[in-house]
ModelCIF file with pLDDT and N, C-alpha, C, O atoms, coordinates in Angstrom:
data_MODEL
#
_entry.id   MODEL 
#
_entity.id                         1 
_entity.type                       polymer 
_entity.pdbx_number_of_molecules   1 
#
_entity_poly.entity_id                      1 
_entity_poly.type                           'polypeptide(L)' 
_entity_poly.nstd_linkage                   no 
_entity_poly.nstd_monomer                   no 
_entity_poly.pdbx_seq_one_letter_code       
;(UNK)(UNK)(UNK)(UNK)(UNK)(UNK)(UNK)(UNK)(UNK)(UNK)(UNK)(UNK)(UNK)(UNK)(UNK)(UNK)
(UNK)(UNK)(UNK)(UNK)(UNK)(UNK)(UNK)(UNK)(UNK)(UNK)(UNK)(UNK)(UNK)(UNK)(UNK)(UNK)
(UNK)(UNK)(UNK)(UNK)(UNK)(UNK)(UNK)(UNK)(UNK)(UNK)(UNK)(UNK)(UNK)(UNK)(UNK)(UNK)
;
_entity_poly.pdbx_seq_one_letter_code_can   XXXXXXXXXXXXXXXXXXXXXXXXXXXXXXXXXXXXXXXXXXXXXXXX 
_entity_poly.pdbx_strand_id                 A 
#
loop_
_entity_poly_seq.entity_id 
_entity_poly_seq.num 
_entity_poly_seq.mon_id 
_entity_poly_seq.hetero 
1 1  UNK n 
1 2  UNK n 
1 3  UNK n 
1 4  UNK n 
1 5  UNK n 
1 6  UNK n 
1 7  UNK n 
1 8  UNK n 
1 9  UNK n 
1 10 UNK n 
1 11 UNK n 
1 12 UNK n 
1 13 UNK n 
1 14 UNK n 
1 15 UNK n 
1 16 UNK n 
1 17 UNK n 
1 18 UNK n 
1 19 UNK n 
1 20 UNK n 
1 21 UNK n 
1 22 UNK n 
1 23 UNK n 
1 24 UNK n 
1 25 UNK n 
1 26 UNK n 
1 27 UNK n 
1 28 UNK n 
1 29 UNK n 
1 30 UNK n 
1 31 UNK n 
1 32 UNK n 
1 33 UNK n 
1 34 UNK n 
1 35 UNK n 
1 36 UNK n 
1 37 UNK n 
1 38 UNK n 
1 39 UNK n 
1 40 UNK n 
1 41 UNK n 
1 42 UNK n 
1 43 UNK n 
1 44 UNK n 
1 45 UNK n 
1 46 UNK n 
1 47 UNK n 
1 48 UNK n 
#
_struct_asym.id          A 
_struct_asym.entity_id   1 
#
loop_
_ma_qa_metric.id 
_ma_qa_metric.mode 
_ma_qa_metric.name 
_ma_qa_metric.software_group_id 
_ma_qa_metric.type 
1 global pLDDT . pLDDT 
2 local  pLDDT . pLDDT 
#
_ma_qa_metric_global.metric_id      1 
_ma_qa_metric_global.metric_value   83.98 
_ma_qa_metric_global.model_id       1 
_ma_qa_metric_global.ordinal_id     1 
#
loop_
_ma_qa_metric_local.label_asym_id 
_ma_qa_metric_local.label_comp_id 
_ma_qa_metric_local.label_seq_id 
_ma_qa_metric_local.metric_id 
_ma_qa_metric_local.metric_value 
_ma_qa_metric_local.model_id 
_ma_qa_metric_local.ordinal_id 
A UNK 1  2 70.00 1 1  
A UNK 2  2 77.00 1 2  
A UNK 3  2 83.00 1 3  
A UNK 4  2 87.00 1 4  
A UNK 5  2 87.00 1 5  
A UNK 6  2 87.00 1 6  
A UNK 7  2 84.00 1 7  
A UNK 8  2 79.00 1 8  
A UNK 9  2 74.00 1 9  
A UNK 10 2 62.00 1 10 
A UNK 11 2 69.00 1 11 
A UNK 12 2 79.00 1 12 
A UNK 13 2 80.00 1 13 
A UNK 14 2 88.00 1 14 
A UNK 15 2 88.00 1 15 
A UNK 16 2 91.00 1 16 
A UNK 17 2 91.00 1 17 
A UNK 18 2 91.00 1 18 
A UNK 19 2 89.00 1 19 
A UNK 20 2 84.00 1 20 
A UNK 21 2 85.00 1 21 
A UNK 22 2 88.00 1 22 
A UNK 23 2 91.00 1 23 
A UNK 24 2 93.00 1 24 
A UNK 25 2 92.00 1 25 
A UNK 26 2 92.00 1 26 
A UNK 27 2 89.00 1 27 
A UNK 28 2 86.00 1 28 
A UNK 29 2 89.00 1 29 
A UNK 30 2 87.00 1 30 
A UNK 31 2 86.00 1 31 
A UNK 32 2 89.00 1 32 
A UNK 33 2 89.00 1 33 
A UNK 34 2 88.00 1 34 
A UNK 35 2 87.00 1 35 
A UNK 36 2 84.00 1 36 
A UNK 37 2 73.00 1 37 
A UNK 38 2 61.00 1 38 
A UNK 39 2 67.00 1 39 
A UNK 40 2 74.00 1 40 
A UNK 41 2 79.00 1 41 
A UNK 42 2 85.00 1 42 
A UNK 43 2 87.00 1 43 
A UNK 44 2 87.00 1 44 
A UNK 45 2 91.00 1 45 
A UNK 46 2 91.00 1 46 
A UNK 47 2 90.00 1 47 
A UNK 48 2 91.00 1 48 
#
loop_
_atom_site.group_PDB 
_atom_site.id 
_atom_site.type_symbol 
_atom_site.label_atom_id 
_atom_site.label_alt_id 
_atom_site.label_comp_id 
_atom_site.label_asym_id 
_atom_site.label_entity_id 
_atom_site.label_seq_id 
_atom_site.pdbx_PDB_ins_code 
_atom_site.Cartn_x 
_atom_site.Cartn_y 
_atom_site.Cartn_z 
_atom_site.occupancy 
_atom_site.B_iso_or_equiv 
_atom_site.pdbx_formal_charge 
_atom_site.auth_seq_id 
_atom_site.auth_comp_id 
_atom_site.auth_asym_id 
_atom_site.auth_atom_id 
_atom_site.pdbx_PDB_model_num 
ATOM 1   N N  . UNK A 1 1  ? 40.069 51.819 -125.556 1.00 70.00 ? 1  UNK A N  1 
ATOM 2   C CA . UNK A 1 1  ? 40.076 52.257 -126.959 1.00 70.00 ? 1  UNK A CA 1 
ATOM 3   C C  . UNK A 1 1  ? 38.701 52.709 -127.435 1.00 70.00 ? 1  UNK A C  1 
ATOM 4   O O  . UNK A 1 1  ? 38.543 53.161 -128.570 1.00 70.00 ? 1  UNK A O  1 
ATOM 5   N N  . UNK A 1 2  ? 37.706 52.582 -126.555 1.00 77.00 ? 2  UNK A N  1 
ATOM 6   C CA . UNK A 1 2  ? 36.316 52.868 -126.941 1.00 77.00 ? 2  UNK A CA 1 
ATOM 7   C C  . UNK A 1 2  ? 35.953 52.056 -128.180 1.00 77.00 ? 2  UNK A C  1 
ATOM 8   O O  . UNK A 1 2  ? 35.400 52.563 -129.156 1.00 77.00 ? 2  UNK A O  1 
ATOM 9   N N  . UNK A 1 3  ? 36.292 50.768 -128.091 1.00 83.00 ? 3  UNK A N  1 
ATOM 10  C CA . UNK A 1 3  ? 36.139 49.885 -129.247 1.00 83.00 ? 3  UNK A CA 1 
ATOM 11  C C  . UNK A 1 3  ? 34.850 49.086 -129.144 1.00 83.00 ? 3  UNK A C  1 
ATOM 12  O O  . UNK A 1 3  ? 34.353 48.786 -128.059 1.00 83.00 ? 3  UNK A O  1 
ATOM 13  N N  . UNK A 1 4  ? 34.340 48.759 -130.307 1.00 87.00 ? 4  UNK A N  1 
ATOM 14  C CA . UNK A 1 4  ? 33.143 47.922 -130.384 1.00 87.00 ? 4  UNK A CA 1 
ATOM 15  C C  . UNK A 1 4  ? 33.497 46.674 -131.194 1.00 87.00 ? 4  UNK A C  1 
ATOM 16  O O  . UNK A 1 4  ? 33.884 46.767 -132.359 1.00 87.00 ? 4  UNK A O  1 
ATOM 17  N N  . UNK A 1 5  ? 33.361 45.514 -130.567 1.00 87.00 ? 5  UNK A N  1 
ATOM 18  C CA . UNK A 1 5  ? 33.715 44.256 -131.218 1.00 87.00 ? 5  UNK A CA 1 
ATOM 19  C C  . UNK A 1 5  ? 32.580 43.806 -132.128 1.00 87.00 ? 5  UNK A C  1 
ATOM 20  O O  . UNK A 1 5  ? 31.411 43.842 -131.742 1.00 87.00 ? 5  UNK A O  1 
ATOM 21  N N  . UNK A 1 6  ? 32.932 43.380 -133.341 1.00 87.00 ? 6  UNK A N  1 
ATOM 22  C CA . UNK A 1 6  ? 31.976 42.863 -134.314 1.00 87.00 ? 6  UNK A CA 1 
ATOM 23  C C  . UNK A 1 6  ? 32.159 41.351 -134.387 1.00 87.00 ? 6  UNK A C  1 
ATOM 24  O O  . UNK A 1 6  ? 33.175 40.890 -134.907 1.00 87.00 ? 6  UNK A O  1 
ATOM 25  N N  . UNK A 1 7  ? 31.217 40.569 -133.888 1.00 84.00 ? 7  UNK A N  1 
ATOM 26  C CA . UNK A 1 7  ? 31.414 39.112 -133.826 1.00 84.00 ? 7  UNK A CA 1 
ATOM 27  C C  . UNK A 1 7  ? 31.303 38.469 -135.205 1.00 84.00 ? 7  UNK A C  1 
ATOM 28  O O  . UNK A 1 7  ? 30.720 39.029 -136.134 1.00 84.00 ? 7  UNK A O  1 
ATOM 29  N N  . UNK A 1 8  ? 31.868 37.303 -135.303 1.00 79.00 ? 8  UNK A N  1 
ATOM 30  C CA . UNK A 1 8  ? 31.803 36.526 -136.534 1.00 79.00 ? 8  UNK A CA 1 
ATOM 31  C C  . UNK A 1 8  ? 30.385 35.997 -136.723 1.00 79.00 ? 8  UNK A C  1 
ATOM 32  O O  . UNK A 1 8  ? 29.730 35.578 -135.768 1.00 79.00 ? 8  UNK A O  1 
ATOM 33  N N  . UNK A 1 9  ? 29.923 36.025 -137.974 1.00 74.00 ? 9  UNK A N  1 
ATOM 34  C CA . UNK A 1 9  ? 28.634 35.416 -138.301 1.00 74.00 ? 9  UNK A CA 1 
ATOM 35  C C  . UNK A 1 9  ? 28.807 34.566 -139.550 1.00 74.00 ? 9  UNK A C  1 
ATOM 36  O O  . UNK A 1 9  ? 29.688 34.810 -140.374 1.00 74.00 ? 9  UNK A O  1 
ATOM 37  N N  . UNK A 1 10 ? 27.953 33.572 -139.670 1.00 62.00 ? 10 UNK A N  1 
ATOM 38  C CA . UNK A 1 10 ? 28.025 32.692 -140.839 1.00 62.00 ? 10 UNK A CA 1 
ATOM 39  C C  . UNK A 1 10 ? 27.665 33.442 -142.110 1.00 62.00 ? 10 UNK A C  1 
ATOM 40  O O  . UNK A 1 10 ? 28.073 33.047 -143.202 1.00 62.00 ? 10 UNK A O  1 
ATOM 41  N N  . UNK A 1 11 ? 26.885 34.547 -141.974 1.00 69.00 ? 11 UNK A N  1 
ATOM 42  C CA . UNK A 1 11 ? 26.476 35.311 -143.151 1.00 69.00 ? 11 UNK A CA 1 
ATOM 43  C C  . UNK A 1 11 ? 27.638 36.146 -143.708 1.00 69.00 ? 11 UNK A C  1 
ATOM 44  O O  . UNK A 1 11 ? 27.888 36.147 -144.914 1.00 69.00 ? 11 UNK A O  1 
ATOM 45  N N  . UNK A 1 12 ? 28.337 36.849 -142.827 1.00 79.00 ? 12 UNK A N  1 
ATOM 46  C CA . UNK A 1 12 ? 29.420 37.734 -143.284 1.00 79.00 ? 12 UNK A CA 1 
ATOM 47  C C  . UNK A 1 12 ? 30.747 36.999 -143.414 1.00 79.00 ? 12 UNK A C  1 
ATOM 48  O O  . UNK A 1 12 ? 31.598 37.387 -144.215 1.00 79.00 ? 12 UNK A O  1 
ATOM 49  N N  . UNK A 1 13 ? 30.927 35.939 -142.630 1.00 80.00 ? 13 UNK A N  1 
ATOM 50  C CA . UNK A 1 13 ? 32.176 35.173 -142.563 1.00 80.00 ? 13 UNK A CA 1 
ATOM 51  C C  . UNK A 1 13 ? 33.350 36.089 -142.224 1.00 80.00 ? 13 UNK A C  1 
ATOM 52  O O  . UNK A 1 13 ? 34.475 35.884 -142.682 1.00 80.00 ? 13 UNK A O  1 
ATOM 53  N N  . UNK A 1 14 ? 33.059 37.102 -141.412 1.00 88.00 ? 14 UNK A N  1 
ATOM 54  C CA . UNK A 1 14 ? 34.089 38.041 -140.972 1.00 88.00 ? 14 UNK A CA 1 
ATOM 55  C C  . UNK A 1 14 ? 33.834 38.406 -139.512 1.00 88.00 ? 14 UNK A C  1 
ATOM 56  O O  . UNK A 1 14 ? 32.730 38.229 -138.998 1.00 88.00 ? 14 UNK A O  1 
ATOM 57  N N  . UNK A 1 15 ? 34.871 38.917 -138.856 1.00 88.00 ? 15 UNK A N  1 
ATOM 58  C CA . UNK A 1 15 ? 34.742 39.507 -137.527 1.00 88.00 ? 15 UNK A CA 1 
ATOM 59  C C  . UNK A 1 15 ? 35.724 40.658 -137.459 1.00 88.00 ? 15 UNK A C  1 
ATOM 60  O O  . UNK A 1 15 ? 36.567 40.809 -138.343 1.00 88.00 ? 15 UNK A O  1 
ATOM 61  N N  . UNK A 1 16 ? 35.624 41.466 -136.425 1.00 91.00 ? 16 UNK A N  1 
ATOM 62  C CA . UNK A 1 16 ? 36.556 42.584 -136.342 1.00 91.00 ? 16 UNK A CA 1 
ATOM 63  C C  . UNK A 1 16 ? 36.219 43.526 -135.217 1.00 91.00 ? 16 UNK A C  1 
ATOM 64  O O  . UNK A 1 16 ? 35.613 43.133 -134.220 1.00 91.00 ? 16 UNK A O  1 
ATOM 65  N N  . UNK A 1 17 ? 36.621 44.798 -135.384 1.00 91.00 ? 17 UNK A N  1 
ATOM 66  C CA . UNK A 1 17 ? 36.443 45.784 -134.330 1.00 91.00 ? 17 UNK A CA 1 
ATOM 67  C C  . UNK A 1 17 ? 36.275 47.170 -134.966 1.00 91.00 ? 17 UNK A C  1 
ATOM 68  O O  . UNK A 1 17 ? 36.898 47.489 -135.979 1.00 91.00 ? 17 UNK A O  1 
ATOM 69  N N  . UNK A 1 18 ? 35.419 47.979 -134.341 1.00 91.00 ? 18 UNK A N  1 
ATOM 70  C CA . UNK A 1 18 ? 35.263 49.379 -134.746 1.00 91.00 ? 18 UNK A CA 1 
ATOM 71  C C  . UNK A 1 18 ? 35.865 50.249 -133.655 1.00 91.00 ? 18 UNK A C  1 
ATOM 72  O O  . UNK A 1 18 ? 35.460 50.156 -132.496 1.00 91.00 ? 18 UNK A O  1 
ATOM 73  N N  . UNK A 1 19 ? 36.835 51.100 -134.014 1.00 89.00 ? 19 UNK A N  1 
ATOM 74  C CA . UNK A 1 19 ? 37.465 52.028 -133.063 1.00 89.00 ? 19 UNK A CA 1 
ATOM 75  C C  . UNK A 1 19 ? 37.252 53.433 -133.615 1.00 89.00 ? 19 UNK A C  1 
ATOM 76  O O  . UNK A 1 19 ? 38.002 53.896 -134.475 1.00 89.00 ? 19 UNK A O  1 
ATOM 77  N N  . UNK A 1 20 ? 36.235 54.093 -133.116 1.00 84.00 ? 20 UNK A N  1 
ATOM 78  C CA . UNK A 1 20 ? 35.869 55.389 -133.675 1.00 84.00 ? 20 UNK A CA 1 
ATOM 79  C C  . UNK A 1 20 ? 35.407 55.213 -135.111 1.00 84.00 ? 20 UNK A C  1 
ATOM 80  O O  . UNK A 1 20 ? 34.498 54.431 -135.389 1.00 84.00 ? 20 UNK A O  1 
ATOM 81  N N  . UNK A 1 21 ? 36.045 55.955 -136.036 1.00 85.00 ? 21 UNK A N  1 
ATOM 82  C CA . UNK A 1 21 ? 35.704 55.831 -137.454 1.00 85.00 ? 21 UNK A CA 1 
ATOM 83  C C  . UNK A 1 21 ? 36.476 54.708 -138.140 1.00 85.00 ? 21 UNK A C  1 
ATOM 84  O O  . UNK A 1 21 ? 36.260 54.425 -139.319 1.00 85.00 ? 21 UNK A O  1 
ATOM 85  N N  . UNK A 1 22 ? 37.352 54.090 -137.417 1.00 88.00 ? 22 UNK A N  1 
ATOM 86  C CA . UNK A 1 22 ? 38.209 53.041 -137.990 1.00 88.00 ? 22 UNK A CA 1 
ATOM 87  C C  . UNK A 1 22 ? 37.504 51.685 -137.903 1.00 88.00 ? 22 UNK A C  1 
ATOM 88  O O  . UNK A 1 22 ? 37.079 51.261 -136.827 1.00 88.00 ? 22 UNK A O  1 
ATOM 89  N N  . UNK A 1 23 ? 37.388 51.022 -139.034 1.00 91.00 ? 23 UNK A N  1 
ATOM 90  C CA . UNK A 1 23 ? 36.745 49.712 -139.096 1.00 91.00 ? 23 UNK A CA 1 
ATOM 91  C C  . UNK A 1 23 ? 37.754 48.672 -139.594 1.00 91.00 ? 23 UNK A C  1 
ATOM 92  O O  . UNK A 1 23 ? 38.234 48.734 -140.726 1.00 91.00 ? 23 UNK A O  1 
ATOM 93  N N  . UNK A 1 24 ? 38.063 47.707 -138.703 1.00 93.00 ? 24 UNK A N  1 
ATOM 94  C CA . UNK A 1 24 ? 39.031 46.659 -139.039 1.00 93.00 ? 24 UNK A CA 1 
ATOM 95  C C  . UNK A 1 24 ? 38.283 45.329 -139.104 1.00 93.00 ? 24 UNK A C  1 
ATOM 96  O O  . UNK A 1 24 ? 37.544 44.976 -138.185 1.00 93.00 ? 24 UNK A O  1 
ATOM 97  N N  . UNK A 1 25 ? 38.484 44.597 -140.198 1.00 92.00 ? 25 UNK A N  1 
ATOM 98  C CA . UNK A 1 25 ? 37.821 43.299 -140.347 1.00 92.00 ? 25 UNK A CA 1 
ATOM 99  C C  . UNK A 1 25 ? 38.846 42.251 -140.786 1.00 92.00 ? 25 UNK A C  1 
ATOM 100 O O  . UNK A 1 25 ? 39.807 42.550 -141.495 1.00 92.00 ? 25 UNK A O  1 
ATOM 101 N N  . UNK A 1 26 ? 38.610 41.026 -140.346 1.00 92.00 ? 26 UNK A N  1 
ATOM 102 C CA . UNK A 1 26 ? 39.387 39.882 -140.833 1.00 92.00 ? 26 UNK A CA 1 
ATOM 103 C C  . UNK A 1 26 ? 38.403 38.753 -141.113 1.00 92.00 ? 26 UNK A C  1 
ATOM 104 O O  . UNK A 1 26 ? 37.392 38.610 -140.425 1.00 92.00 ? 26 UNK A O  1 
ATOM 105 N N  . UNK A 1 27 ? 38.710 37.954 -142.131 1.00 89.00 ? 27 UNK A N  1 
ATOM 106 C CA . UNK A 1 27 ? 37.798 36.869 -142.455 1.00 89.00 ? 27 UNK A CA 1 
ATOM 107 C C  . UNK A 1 27 ? 38.192 36.160 -143.734 1.00 89.00 ? 27 UNK A C  1 
ATOM 108 O O  . UNK A 1 27 ? 39.307 36.317 -144.233 1.00 89.00 ? 27 UNK A O  1 
ATOM 109 N N  . UNK A 1 28 ? 37.261 35.379 -144.254 1.00 86.00 ? 28 UNK A N  1 
ATOM 110 C CA . UNK A 1 28 ? 37.517 34.632 -145.485 1.00 86.00 ? 28 UNK A CA 1 
ATOM 111 C C  . UNK A 1 28 ? 37.846 35.596 -146.617 1.00 86.00 ? 28 UNK A C  1 
ATOM 112 O O  . UNK A 1 28 ? 37.233 36.656 -146.743 1.00 86.00 ? 28 UNK A O  1 
ATOM 113 N N  . UNK A 1 29 ? 38.815 35.218 -147.433 1.00 89.00 ? 29 UNK A N  1 
ATOM 114 C CA . UNK A 1 29 ? 39.314 36.118 -148.478 1.00 89.00 ? 29 UNK A CA 1 
ATOM 115 C C  . UNK A 1 29 ? 38.188 36.565 -149.404 1.00 89.00 ? 29 UNK A C  1 
ATOM 116 O O  . UNK A 1 29 ? 38.047 37.756 -149.682 1.00 89.00 ? 29 UNK A O  1 
ATOM 117 N N  . UNK A 1 30 ? 37.392 35.621 -149.877 1.00 87.00 ? 30 UNK A N  1 
ATOM 118 C CA . UNK A 1 30 ? 36.314 35.972 -150.809 1.00 87.00 ? 30 UNK A CA 1 
ATOM 119 C C  . UNK A 1 30 ? 35.324 36.935 -150.168 1.00 87.00 ? 30 UNK A C  1 
ATOM 120 O O  . UNK A 1 30 ? 34.862 37.873 -150.819 1.00 87.00 ? 30 UNK A O  1 
ATOM 121 N N  . UNK A 1 31 ? 34.993 36.712 -148.893 1.00 86.00 ? 31 UNK A N  1 
ATOM 122 C CA . UNK A 1 31 ? 34.012 37.573 -148.216 1.00 86.00 ? 31 UNK A CA 1 
ATOM 123 C C  . UNK A 1 31 ? 34.555 38.975 -148.011 1.00 86.00 ? 31 UNK A C  1 
ATOM 124 O O  . UNK A 1 31 ? 33.830 39.953 -148.197 1.00 86.00 ? 31 UNK A O  1 
ATOM 125 N N  . UNK A 1 32 ? 35.824 39.087 -147.628 1.00 89.00 ? 32 UNK A N  1 
ATOM 126 C CA . UNK A 1 32 ? 36.414 40.407 -147.398 1.00 89.00 ? 32 UNK A CA 1 
ATOM 127 C C  . UNK A 1 32 ? 36.485 41.192 -148.705 1.00 89.00 ? 32 UNK A C  1 
ATOM 128 O O  . UNK A 1 32 ? 36.148 42.376 -148.745 1.00 89.00 ? 32 UNK A O  1 
ATOM 129 N N  . UNK A 1 33 ? 36.927 40.525 -149.775 1.00 89.00 ? 33 UNK A N  1 
ATOM 130 C CA . UNK A 1 33 ? 37.030 41.218 -151.069 1.00 89.00 ? 33 UNK A CA 1 
ATOM 131 C C  . UNK A 1 33 ? 35.647 41.604 -151.582 1.00 89.00 ? 33 UNK A C  1 
ATOM 132 O O  . UNK A 1 33 ? 35.465 42.683 -152.146 1.00 89.00 ? 33 UNK A O  1 
ATOM 133 N N  . UNK A 1 34 ? 34.676 40.719 -151.385 1.00 88.00 ? 34 UNK A N  1 
ATOM 134 C CA . UNK A 1 34 ? 33.313 41.021 -151.841 1.00 88.00 ? 34 UNK A CA 1 
ATOM 135 C C  . UNK A 1 34 ? 32.748 42.228 -151.113 1.00 88.00 ? 34 UNK A C  1 
ATOM 136 O O  . UNK A 1 34 ? 31.986 43.001 -151.694 1.00 88.00 ? 34 UNK A O  1 
ATOM 137 N N  . UNK A 1 35 ? 33.114 42.399 -149.839 1.00 87.00 ? 35 UNK A N  1 
ATOM 138 C CA . UNK A 1 35 ? 32.607 43.549 -149.076 1.00 87.00 ? 35 UNK A CA 1 
ATOM 139 C C  . UNK A 1 35 ? 33.198 44.863 -149.560 1.00 87.00 ? 35 UNK A C  1 
ATOM 140 O O  . UNK A 1 35 ? 32.626 45.928 -149.331 1.00 87.00 ? 35 UNK A O  1 
ATOM 141 N N  . UNK A 1 36 ? 34.363 44.787 -150.241 1.00 84.00 ? 36 UNK A N  1 
ATOM 142 C CA . UNK A 1 36 ? 35.022 45.996 -150.742 1.00 84.00 ? 36 UNK A CA 1 
ATOM 143 C C  . UNK A 1 36 ? 34.724 46.256 -152.209 1.00 84.00 ? 36 UNK A C  1 
ATOM 144 O O  . UNK A 1 36 ? 34.801 47.388 -152.686 1.00 84.00 ? 36 UNK A O  1 
ATOM 145 N N  . UNK A 1 37 ? 34.377 45.167 -152.922 1.00 73.00 ? 37 UNK A N  1 
ATOM 146 C CA . UNK A 1 37 ? 34.178 45.295 -154.360 1.00 73.00 ? 37 UNK A CA 1 
ATOM 147 C C  . UNK A 1 37 ? 35.393 44.739 -155.098 1.00 73.00 ? 37 UNK A C  1 
ATOM 148 O O  . UNK A 1 37 ? 36.532 44.940 -154.676 1.00 73.00 ? 37 UNK A O  1 
ATOM 149 N N  . UNK A 1 38 ? 35.145 44.051 -156.181 1.00 61.00 ? 38 UNK A N  1 
ATOM 150 C CA . UNK A 1 38 ? 36.213 43.381 -156.914 1.00 61.00 ? 38 UNK A CA 1 
ATOM 151 C C  . UNK A 1 38 ? 37.227 44.369 -157.504 1.00 61.00 ? 38 UNK A C  1 
ATOM 152 O O  . UNK A 1 38 ? 38.345 43.979 -157.840 1.00 61.00 ? 38 UNK A O  1 
ATOM 153 N N  . UNK A 1 39 ? 36.842 45.647 -157.632 1.00 67.00 ? 39 UNK A N  1 
ATOM 154 C CA . UNK A 1 39 ? 37.743 46.611 -158.271 1.00 67.00 ? 39 UNK A CA 1 
ATOM 155 C C  . UNK A 1 39 ? 38.815 47.128 -157.334 1.00 67.00 ? 39 UNK A C  1 
ATOM 156 O O  . UNK A 1 39 ? 39.633 47.963 -157.721 1.00 67.00 ? 39 UNK A O  1 
ATOM 157 N N  . UNK A 1 40 ? 38.818 46.637 -156.097 1.00 74.00 ? 40 UNK A N  1 
ATOM 158 C CA . UNK A 1 40 ? 39.856 47.049 -155.156 1.00 74.00 ? 40 UNK A CA 1 
ATOM 159 C C  . UNK A 1 40 ? 41.223 46.702 -155.740 1.00 74.00 ? 40 UNK A C  1 
ATOM 160 O O  . UNK A 1 40 ? 41.429 45.593 -156.233 1.00 74.00 ? 40 UNK A O  1 
ATOM 161 N N  . UNK A 1 41 ? 42.150 47.646 -155.686 1.00 79.00 ? 41 UNK A N  1 
ATOM 162 C CA . UNK A 1 41 ? 43.446 47.499 -156.353 1.00 79.00 ? 41 UNK A CA 1 
ATOM 163 C C  . UNK A 1 41 ? 44.257 46.326 -155.825 1.00 79.00 ? 41 UNK A C  1 
ATOM 164 O O  . UNK A 1 41 ? 45.004 45.700 -156.576 1.00 79.00 ? 41 UNK A O  1 
ATOM 165 N N  . UNK A 1 42 ? 44.116 46.027 -154.549 1.00 85.00 ? 42 UNK A N  1 
ATOM 166 C CA . UNK A 1 42 ? 44.941 44.970 -153.948 1.00 85.00 ? 42 UNK A CA 1 
ATOM 167 C C  . UNK A 1 42 ? 44.262 43.608 -153.969 1.00 85.00 ? 42 UNK A C  1 
ATOM 168 O O  . UNK A 1 42 ? 44.834 42.631 -153.484 1.00 85.00 ? 42 UNK A O  1 
ATOM 169 N N  . UNK A 1 43 ? 43.046 43.523 -154.524 1.00 87.00 ? 43 UNK A N  1 
ATOM 170 C CA . UNK A 1 43 ? 42.294 42.265 -154.481 1.00 87.00 ? 43 UNK A CA 1 
ATOM 171 C C  . UNK A 1 43 ? 43.045 41.135 -155.187 1.00 87.00 ? 43 UNK A C  1 
ATOM 172 O O  . UNK A 1 43 ? 43.129 40.019 -154.675 1.00 87.00 ? 43 UNK A O  1 
ATOM 173 N N  . UNK A 1 44 ? 43.591 41.441 -156.370 1.00 87.00 ? 44 UNK A N  1 
ATOM 174 C CA . UNK A 1 44 ? 44.302 40.400 -157.112 1.00 87.00 ? 44 UNK A CA 1 
ATOM 175 C C  . UNK A 1 44 ? 45.512 39.887 -156.355 1.00 87.00 ? 44 UNK A C  1 
ATOM 176 O O  . UNK A 1 44 ? 45.789 38.688 -156.348 1.00 87.00 ? 44 UNK A O  1 
ATOM 177 N N  . UNK A 1 45 ? 46.244 40.817 -155.708 1.00 91.00 ? 45 UNK A N  1 
ATOM 178 C CA . UNK A 1 45 ? 47.431 40.414 -154.959 1.00 91.00 ? 45 UNK A CA 1 
ATOM 179 C C  . UNK A 1 45 ? 47.049 39.552 -153.756 1.00 91.00 ? 45 UNK A C  1 
ATOM 180 O O  . UNK A 1 45 ? 47.732 38.580 -153.433 1.00 91.00 ? 45 UNK A O  1 
ATOM 181 N N  . UNK A 1 46 ? 45.943 39.924 -153.096 1.00 91.00 ? 46 UNK A N  1 
ATOM 182 C CA . UNK A 1 46 ? 45.490 39.145 -151.937 1.00 91.00 ? 46 UNK A CA 1 
ATOM 183 C C  . UNK A 1 46 ? 45.074 37.740 -152.371 1.00 91.00 ? 46 UNK A C  1 
ATOM 184 O O  . UNK A 1 46 ? 45.360 36.756 -151.690 1.00 91.00 ? 46 UNK A O  1 
ATOM 185 N N  . UNK A 1 47 ? 44.389 37.664 -153.524 1.00 90.00 ? 47 UNK A N  1 
ATOM 186 C CA . UNK A 1 47 ? 43.992 36.339 -154.018 1.00 90.00 ? 47 UNK A CA 1 
ATOM 187 C C  . UNK A 1 47 ? 45.222 35.484 -154.343 1.00 90.00 ? 47 UNK A C  1 
ATOM 188 O O  . UNK A 1 47 ? 45.227 34.278 -154.100 1.00 90.00 ? 47 UNK A O  1 
ATOM 189 N N  . UNK A 1 48 ? 46.246 36.108 -154.885 1.00 91.00 ? 48 UNK A N  1 
ATOM 190 C CA . UNK A 1 48 ? 47.463 35.370 -155.226 1.00 91.00 ? 48 UNK A CA 1 
ATOM 191 C C  . UNK A 1 48 ? 48.153 34.854 -153.964 1.00 91.00 ? 48 UNK A C  1 
ATOM 192 O O  . UNK A 1 48 ? 49.197 34.208 -154.053 1.00 91.00 ? 48 UNK A O  1 
#
C-alpha cells in the first residue's frame, strides 16, 4: 500500500497510517477532535 505507520505517542494520544495523501488516525476522543478543531460537524455526535 506504500503506507507509512504513525506510532502512538503520549503527546498526541493517537496512532494511525498515511497511505499517499490519505491520513487515517485513531485515538482518544478528545485528542482526535482537538486535532480537527471543535467546529467539526460530527464532533458532538462522536462525543455523545
